Amino acid sequence: MKPAVSVNETTKSFGSFLKQSISELNKSQVASDVATEKLVKGEQIDLHQVMIASQKASITLQTAIEVRNKAVEAYQEMMRMQV
């Protein structure tokens, strides 16, 4: 019985998902930096908007780090398995 999705398609799908996720992470970091820079320059921006952007970027980064840690942990566990 052939699998419904090939390994190559799965790899491409995972790769595009990973690329999109990293792009979203970068966008949140840039948005936080821009908001902070506006606040420092004295431009018209509310402090709560800056704090929300900063917290959003922080949470996104922490989530990405935890996902990476779990992926590395799973890889290491598979490497320890005896075949």
Protein backbone atom coordinates (compact mmCIF):
# COMPACT_ATOMS: atom_id res chain seq x y z
CA MET A 1 0.00 0.00 0.00
CA LYS A 2 1.45 3.39 -1.03
CA PRO A 3 1.29 6.30 1.38
CA ALA A 4 -1.15 9.04 0.43
CA VAL A 5 1.57 11.70 0.73
CA SER A 6 5.15 11.15 -0.38
CA VAL A 7 8.13 11.86 1.84
CA ASN A 8 9.26 14.58 -0.57
CA GLU A 9 5.89 16.34 -0.33
CA THR A 10 5.95 16.10 3.47
CA THR A 11 9.46 17.55 3.59
CA LYS A 12 8.43 20.45 1.34
CA SER A 13 5.31 21.04 3.42
CA PHE A 14 7.25 21.04 6.69
CA GLY A 15 9.94 23.24 5.16
CA SER A 16 7.42 25.82 3.98
CA PHE A 17 5.68 25.76 7.37
CA LEU A 18 9.00 26.32 9.11
CA LYS A 19 9.94 29.14 6.75
CA GLN A 20 6.55 30.83 7.28
CA SER A 21 6.83 30.50 11.05
CA ILE A 22 10.29 32.06 11.11
CA SER A 23 9.03 34.86 8.89
CA GLU A 24 6.17 35.57 11.32
CA LEU A 25 8.63 35.53 14.22
CA ASN A 26 10.81 38.07 12.42
CA LYS A 27 7.80 40.29 11.65
CA SER A 28 6.80 40.42 15.33
CA GLN A 29 10.39 41.26 16.35
CA VAL A 30 10.60 44.04 13.74
CA ALA A 31 7.20 45.44 14.79
CA SER A 32 8.37 45.56 18.39
CA ASP A 33 11.60 47.30 17.41
CA VAL A 34 9.75 49.88 15.30
CA ALA A 35 7.27 50.64 18.09
CA THR A 36 10.07 51.00 20.65
CA GLU A 37 12.02 53.28 18.32
CA LYS A 38 8.96 55.50 17.80
CA LEU A 39 8.50 55.77 21.57
CA VAL A 40 12.15 56.68 22.11
CA LYS A 41 12.04 59.34 19.38
CA GLY A 42 8.96 60.87 20.99
CA GLU A 43 6.67 60.13 18.06
CA GLN A 44 2.94 59.73 18.50
CA ILE A 45 2.48 56.19 19.86
CA ASP A 46 0.78 54.92 22.98
CA LEU A 47 2.91 53.20 25.60
CA HIS A 48 0.47 50.31 25.84
CA GLN A 49 0.86 49.64 22.09
CA VAL A 50 4.62 49.44 22.56
CA MET A 51 4.28 47.08 25.51
CA ILE A 52 1.80 44.85 23.65
CA ALA A 53 4.13 44.62 20.63
CA SER A 54 7.06 43.85 22.92
CA GLN A 55 5.19 41.12 24.80
CA LYS A 56 3.87 39.63 21.58
CA ALA A 57 7.41 39.42 20.19
CA SER A 58 8.69 37.93 23.44
CA ILE A 59 5.99 35.25 23.60
CA THR A 60 6.52 34.37 19.93
CA LEU A 61 10.26 34.01 20.47
CA GLN A 62 9.81 31.88 23.60
CA THR A 63 7.39 29.61 21.74
CA ALA A 64 9.85 29.19 18.86
CA ILE A 65 12.62 28.33 21.32
CA GLU A 66 10.47 25.72 23.06
CA VAL A 67 9.46 24.14 19.74
CA ARG A 68 13.12 24.00 18.72
CA ASN A 69 14.05 22.42 22.07
CA LYS A 70 11.36 19.75 21.66
CA ALA A 71 12.47 19.00 18.10
CA VAL A 72 16.10 18.60 19.20
CA GLU A 73 15.01 16.42 22.11
CA ALA A 74 12.95 14.19 19.79
CA TYR A 75 15.88 13.91 17.37
CA GLN A 76 18.24 12.95 20.16
CA GLU A 77 15.77 10.34 21.42
CA MET A 78 15.50 8.80 17.94
CA MET A 79 19.29 8.68 17.68
CA ARG A 80 19.45 6.71 20.95
CA MET A 81 17.00 4.09 19.67
CA GLN A 82 18.42 0.74 18.70
CA VAL A 83 17.23 -0.66 15.40
